[in-house]
Structures are given as C-alpha cells and as structure tokens.
C-alpha cells in the first residue's frame, strides 16, 4: 500500500511538469520550424521579394513594348528613316545610292 502511494506521489510530482515541458518544447519547435513558424516566414518573404521583382520586370517590359508600339503610329513614322533602317537590315542598296567601301579598321566618324 505504501509502495503504491509513493509511486502515485512520484507520478504526481513528475508527470505535470514533464507534460508541461513536452508541450512547451512542441510549441517552441513549431514556432521556429513549423509550417507557420519563423523559417516559413522568411521563405515567404523571399518569395514575396521574388514576386515583386518579377512584377517590376514585367512592368518595365510592358513599358518598353508600349514605346515600341507607339513608335509604329502613322504620325511618328518618318519615311526616310524607315527606308534607311529597312535597307540596313536587309543589306540592300538603291541603284541611285553612292556606296563608299571602307575597311574594318577605318573610322567612320
């Protein structure tokens, strides 16, 4: 009878603090390593920074395309410049053009 009472007292003295420590350890681990803990928070911040960078790149690319499309409007096209660029890109010359050959090492200006 006394052995059972001693065992019960020991269990009552050890069990609640150990249960509390185990519960505290579990929540402490979840705070640092869990799905909603500090490590996940830093990963989410990194993903947010990456998404913001992608958004700014997309906005810059969109602005560049808008400028290029605006340059194609009828009011902004210059016939001479368009003709010059087309000939340069196609590597063609008009029969009335004067072609001056130059070496790779000659300065053009």
Protein backbone atom coordinates (compact mmCIF):
# COMPACT_ATOMS: atom_id res chain seq x y z
CA UNK A 1 0.00 0.00 0.00
CA UNK A 2 2.77 2.42 0.81
CA UNK A 3 4.60 1.46 -2.35
CA UNK A 4 1.52 2.38 -4.44
CA UNK A 5 1.16 5.68 -2.58
CA UNK A 6 4.86 6.51 -3.15
CA UNK A 7 4.52 5.65 -6.80
CA UNK A 8 1.41 7.83 -7.12
CA UNK A 9 3.14 10.77 -5.36
CA UNK A 10 6.17 10.43 -7.61
CA UNK A 11 3.93 10.31 -10.67
CA UNK A 12 2.01 13.38 -9.49
CA UNK A 13 5.30 15.21 -8.85
CA UNK A 14 6.92 14.29 -12.18
CA UNK A 15 4.08 13.94 -14.67
CA UNK A 16 2.62 17.53 -14.79
CA UNK A 17 6.00 19.29 -15.12
CA UNK A 18 7.22 16.82 -17.75
CA UNK A 19 3.95 17.17 -19.67
CA UNK A 20 4.28 20.96 -19.47
CA UNK A 21 7.90 20.80 -20.68
CA UNK A 22 6.96 18.48 -23.54
CA UNK A 23 4.12 20.79 -24.59
CA UNK A 24 6.40 23.82 -24.35
CA UNK A 25 9.05 22.04 -26.41
CA UNK A 26 6.48 21.11 -29.06
CA UNK A 27 5.21 24.67 -29.41
CA UNK A 28 8.76 26.03 -29.34
CA UNK A 29 9.70 23.71 -32.19
CA UNK A 30 6.61 24.73 -34.17
CA UNK A 31 7.41 28.41 -33.69
CA UNK A 32 10.82 28.01 -35.26
CA UNK A 33 10.49 25.08 -37.67
CA UNK A 34 6.75 24.63 -38.35
CA UNK A 35 4.61 25.49 -41.37
CA UNK A 36 3.72 28.87 -39.89
CA UNK A 37 6.95 29.44 -37.98
CA UNK A 38 9.87 31.80 -38.41
CA UNK A 39 11.61 29.73 -41.08
CA UNK A 40 8.45 29.61 -43.20
CA UNK A 41 8.03 33.35 -42.66
CA UNK A 42 11.50 34.08 -44.05
CA UNK A 43 10.80 31.80 -47.02
CA UNK A 44 7.55 33.64 -47.69
CA UNK A 45 9.39 36.98 -47.54
CA UNK A 46 11.91 35.69 -50.08
CA UNK A 47 9.08 34.57 -52.36
CA UNK A 48 7.41 37.96 -51.96
CA UNK A 49 10.62 39.77 -52.93
CA UNK A 50 10.97 37.50 -55.97
CA UNK A 51 7.36 38.17 -56.98
CA UNK A 52 7.85 41.93 -56.63
CA UNK A 53 10.99 41.75 -58.77
CA UNK A 54 9.10 39.76 -61.41
CA UNK A 55 6.32 42.32 -61.34
CA UNK A 56 8.72 45.24 -61.80
CA UNK A 57 10.41 43.40 -64.68
CA UNK A 58 7.03 42.80 -66.30
CA UNK A 59 6.06 46.46 -65.89
CA UNK A 60 9.35 47.56 -67.46
CA UNK A 61 8.92 45.15 -70.36
CA UNK A 62 5.35 46.33 -70.86
CA UNK A 63 6.51 49.96 -70.94
CA UNK A 64 9.19 49.09 -73.50
CA UNK A 65 6.64 47.37 -75.71
CA UNK A 66 4.25 50.30 -75.38
CA UNK A 67 7.01 52.66 -76.54
CA UNK A 68 7.80 50.40 -79.49
CA UNK A 69 4.13 50.13 -80.48
CA UNK A 70 3.66 53.89 -80.08
CA UNK A 71 6.60 54.37 -82.44
CA UNK A 72 4.69 52.49 -85.12
CA UNK A 73 1.88 55.02 -85.25
CA UNK A 74 1.45 56.85 -88.52
CA UNK A 75 2.29 60.22 -87.02
CA UNK A 76 5.63 59.09 -85.64
CA UNK A 77 6.96 57.22 -88.69
CA UNK A 78 9.46 59.01 -90.88
CA UNK A 79 9.70 57.61 -94.39
CA UNK A 80 13.41 58.30 -94.81
CA UNK A 81 14.37 56.71 -91.52
CA UNK A 82 12.13 53.71 -92.21
CA UNK A 83 13.69 53.30 -95.65
CA UNK A 84 17.20 53.59 -94.22
CA UNK A 85 16.53 51.03 -91.49
CA UNK A 86 14.90 48.60 -93.93
CA UNK A 87 17.87 48.80 -96.28
CA UNK A 88 20.33 48.37 -93.43
CA UNK A 89 18.51 45.35 -92.03
CA UNK A 90 18.04 43.73 -95.45
CA UNK A 91 21.55 44.70 -96.59
CA UNK A 92 20.21 46.29 -99.78
CA UNK A 93 21.09 49.47 -101.66
CA UNK A 94 19.20 51.67 -104.08
CA UNK A 95 20.74 51.85 -107.58
CA UNK A 96 20.98 55.64 -107.16
CA UNK A 97 22.87 55.37 -103.87
CA UNK A 98 26.59 56.04 -103.73
CA UNK A 99 28.35 53.24 -101.88
CA UNK A 100 31.68 54.04 -100.26
CA UNK A 101 33.57 50.89 -99.25
CA UNK A 102 35.65 51.06 -96.12
CA UNK A 103 37.95 48.74 -94.25
CA UNK A 104 37.19 47.30 -90.81
CA UNK A 105 39.91 49.47 -89.28
CA UNK A 106 38.77 52.76 -90.86
CA UNK A 107 36.97 55.15 -88.59
CA UNK A 108 33.53 56.16 -89.80
CA UNK A 109 33.42 59.43 -87.89
